[in-house]
Amino acid sequence: MLRTSLSIGLLVALAAIAVPRPAHSQAPRCADEVKKLQNAPELRIQGGTADQVNRRMGAQTFLTEAAQAAAQMFDMKNLNRLKKLDENAPDSMKAFWAFDKAVFAAGALTVQQKQLIAVAVALTTQCPYCIELHNKAARAAGATDAQLAEAALVAAAMRAGAAVTHSTHLFGA
């Protein structure tokens, strides 16, 4: 019973991390991942007590609904709504767009280097819009798969390193 609960809990947690944050272009991939999770041995609707079967069915429903909501929420078409910010806060948004343009212009760092940094930050903040936009910009600036992979691993190391160093707060003085 405990093992089944832990397995379902683990799959739901993994789904919350990996599945519900796809960029629009990744929505079909997300649906494939949900199908894989739904067909995982821990979630197959088979035997067991009524309570166990109901929990597995609930987990399947959750995964499906989460994937559908994510595909809608992170649709790249939503970025067209930024025009509303431009209209309703014109001075601030004009300043923001000028700042954004200046930040990503070549300087002490090349455009490619800046975009690789942006990709790493986007992966760390897990913003699907930023991941897609800065991945495209990095590639347009000449970034290779190997460079993007290294940037991703730097982001992963920073995120993991923060968890490790923050673990020091778990132990008394």
Protein backbone atom coordinates (compact mmCIF):
# COMPACT_ATOMS: atom_id res chain seq x y z
CA MET A 1 0.00 0.00 0.00
CA LEU A 2 2.75 2.45 0.98
CA ARG A 3 4.82 1.46 -2.07
CA THR A 4 1.86 2.09 -4.40
CA SER A 5 1.21 5.48 -2.80
CA LEU A 6 4.87 6.41 -3.13
CA SER A 7 4.98 5.28 -6.76
CA ILE A 8 1.89 7.31 -7.65
CA GLY A 9 3.20 10.26 -5.65
CA LEU A 10 6.53 10.08 -7.44
CA LEU A 11 4.88 9.97 -10.86
CA VAL A 12 2.62 12.91 -9.99
CA ALA A 13 5.62 14.87 -8.71
CA LEU A 14 7.60 14.07 -11.86
CA ALA A 15 4.63 15.12 -13.96
CA ALA A 16 4.43 18.40 -12.10
CA ILE A 17 8.10 19.04 -12.81
CA ALA A 18 8.41 17.74 -16.36
CA VAL A 19 5.00 17.61 -17.97
CA PRO A 20 3.01 20.75 -17.24
CA ARG A 21 5.55 23.27 -18.48
CA PRO A 22 5.86 22.68 -22.22
CA ALA A 23 6.39 25.41 -24.73
CA HIS A 24 3.76 25.46 -27.47
CA SER A 25 5.98 23.59 -29.89
CA GLN A 26 6.53 20.88 -27.29
CA ALA A 27 2.83 20.18 -26.64
CA PRO A 28 2.77 17.01 -28.81
CA ARG A 29 5.88 15.73 -27.00
CA CYS A 30 4.18 16.50 -23.70
CA ALA A 31 1.15 14.42 -24.71
CA ASP A 32 3.47 11.51 -25.55
CA GLU A 33 5.13 11.79 -22.14
CA VAL A 34 1.72 11.79 -20.43
CA LYS A 35 0.76 8.62 -22.33
CA LYS A 36 3.99 6.96 -21.19
CA LEU A 37 3.29 7.93 -17.59
CA GLN A 38 -0.32 6.76 -17.86
CA ASN A 39 0.86 3.37 -19.09
CA ALA A 40 3.49 3.02 -16.36
CA PRO A 41 3.07 -0.26 -14.43
CA GLU A 42 2.37 1.71 -11.24
CA LEU A 43 -0.64 3.42 -12.85
CA ARG A 44 -2.16 0.66 -14.97
CA ILE A 45 -5.75 0.05 -14.00
CA GLN A 46 -5.50 -3.54 -12.94
CA GLY A 47 -6.44 -5.47 -9.84
CA GLY A 48 -5.90 -4.26 -6.33
CA THR A 49 -8.37 -2.80 -3.90
CA ALA A 50 -11.02 -0.36 -5.08
CA ASP A 51 -9.08 2.39 -3.31
CA GLN A 52 -5.87 1.55 -5.20
CA VAL A 53 -7.68 1.46 -8.54
CA ASN A 54 -9.40 4.78 -7.80
CA ARG A 55 -6.06 6.39 -6.93
CA ARG A 56 -4.48 5.15 -10.17
CA MET A 57 -7.46 6.43 -12.18
CA GLY A 58 -7.21 9.79 -10.38
CA ALA A 59 -3.51 10.04 -11.20
CA GLN A 60 -4.23 9.31 -14.87
CA THR A 61 -6.93 11.99 -14.97
CA PHE A 62 -4.60 14.47 -13.26
CA LEU A 63 -1.82 13.83 -15.76
CA THR A 64 -4.14 14.26 -18.74
CA GLU A 65 -5.71 17.45 -17.41
CA ALA A 66 -2.33 18.89 -16.43
CA ALA A 67 -0.94 18.31 -19.92
CA GLN A 68 -3.97 19.92 -21.54
CA ALA A 69 -3.84 22.96 -19.25
CA ALA A 70 -0.11 23.34 -19.81
CA ALA A 71 -0.45 23.20 -23.58
CA GLN A 72 -2.96 26.07 -23.40
CA MET A 73 -1.16 28.12 -20.77
CA PHE A 74 2.19 28.08 -22.51
CA ASP A 75 0.99 28.55 -26.07
CA MET A 76 3.46 30.88 -27.79
CA LYS A 77 0.49 32.74 -29.29
CA ASN A 78 -0.12 34.13 -25.80
CA LEU A 79 2.91 36.38 -26.28
CA ASN A 80 0.78 38.42 -28.69
CA ARG A 81 -0.97 39.67 -25.56
CA LEU A 82 2.16 41.60 -24.62
CA LYS A 83 0.68 44.32 -26.83
CA LYS A 84 -1.79 44.92 -23.99
CA LEU A 85 1.12 45.78 -21.70
CA ASP A 86 2.49 48.10 -24.37
CA GLU A 87 -0.91 49.80 -24.64
CA ASN A 88 -1.63 50.04 -20.91
CA ALA A 89 1.85 50.92 -19.65
CA PRO A 90 3.48 52.54 -22.70
CA ASP A 91 6.28 54.44 -20.95
CA SER A 92 7.36 51.49 -18.80
CA MET A 93 7.17 49.00 -21.66
CA LYS A 94 9.06 51.31 -24.01
CA ALA A 95 11.79 51.50 -21.36
CA PHE A 96 11.69 47.72 -20.89
CA TRP A 97 12.03 46.97 -24.62
CA ALA A 98 14.93 49.45 -24.91
CA PHE A 99 16.60 47.83 -21.89
CA ASP A 100 16.07 44.33 -23.33
CA LYS A 101 17.52 45.38 -26.69
CA ALA A 102 20.55 46.99 -25.05
CA VAL A 103 21.22 44.03 -22.77
CA PHE A 104 21.32 41.53 -25.62
CA ALA A 105 23.45 43.69 -27.93
CA ALA A 106 27.10 42.74 -28.39
CA GLY A 107 29.43 44.28 -25.86
CA ALA A 108 32.05 42.71 -23.61
CA LEU A 109 30.12 39.48 -24.29
CA THR A 110 29.06 38.40 -27.76
CA VAL A 111 25.39 38.06 -28.64
CA GLN A 112 25.88 34.29 -28.69
CA GLN A 113 27.40 34.27 -25.19
CA LYS A 114 24.57 36.41 -23.86
CA GLN A 115 21.97 34.14 -25.43
CA LEU A 116 23.65 31.05 -23.96
CA ILE A 117 23.49 32.72 -20.54
CA ALA A 118 19.82 33.51 -21.19
CA VAL A 119 19.14 29.87 -22.11
CA ALA A 120 20.76 28.69 -18.87
CA VAL A 121 18.75 31.18 -16.82
CA ALA A 122 15.55 30.25 -18.67
CA LEU A 123 16.14 26.58 -17.90
CA THR A 124 16.70 27.44 -14.26
CA THR A 125 13.58 29.61 -13.99
CA GLN A 126 11.75 27.03 -16.13
CA CYS A 127 10.00 29.61 -18.29
CA PRO A 128 8.88 27.83 -21.47
CA TYR A 129 8.55 31.10 -23.36
CA CYS A 130 12.08 32.15 -22.44
CA ILE A 131 13.49 28.71 -23.21
CA GLU A 132 11.98 28.72 -26.69
CA LEU A 133 12.78 32.35 -27.52
CA HIS A 134 16.36 32.31 -26.25
CA ASN A 135 17.08 28.88 -27.74
CA LYS A 136 16.08 30.30 -31.13
CA ALA A 137 18.11 33.47 -30.55
CA ALA A 138 21.16 31.47 -29.42
CA ARG A 139 20.94 29.26 -32.50
CA ALA A 140 20.50 32.33 -34.72
CA ALA A 141 23.69 33.71 -33.13
CA GLY A 142 25.50 30.50 -34.08
CA ALA A 143 25.20 28.42 -30.89
CA THR A 144 25.75 24.71 -31.45
CA ASP A 145 24.06 21.73 -29.84
CA ALA A 146 27.23 21.16 -27.81
CA GLN A 147 27.20 24.76 -26.50
CA LEU A 148 23.51 24.56 -25.62
CA ALA A 149 24.11 21.24 -23.86
CA GLU A 150 26.91 22.76 -21.81
CA ALA A 151 24.74 25.76 -20.93
CA ALA A 152 21.98 23.38 -19.83
CA LEU A 153 24.39 21.45 -17.63
CA VAL A 154 25.73 24.67 -16.09
CA ALA A 155 22.12 25.56 -15.25
CA ALA A 156 21.56 22.09 -13.77
CA ALA A 157 24.74 22.32 -11.70
CA MET A 158 23.73 25.74 -10.37
CA ARG A 159 20.27 24.49 -9.43
CA ALA A 160 21.61 21.31 -7.82
CA GLY A 161 24.42 23.19 -6.12
CA ALA A 162 21.92 25.55 -4.55
CA ALA A 163 19.99 22.61 -3.12
CA VAL A 164 23.18 21.11 -1.71
CA THR A 165 24.47 24.32 -0.17
CA HIS A 166 21.05 25.23 1.23
CA SER A 167 20.95 21.84 2.93
CA THR A 168 23.33 23.34 5.49
CA HIS A 169 20.25 25.03 6.98
CA LEU A 170 18.90 21.59 7.89
CA PHE A 171 21.51 21.04 10.54
CA GLY A 172 21.68 22.92 13.84
CA ALA A 173 24.48 25.16 14.96
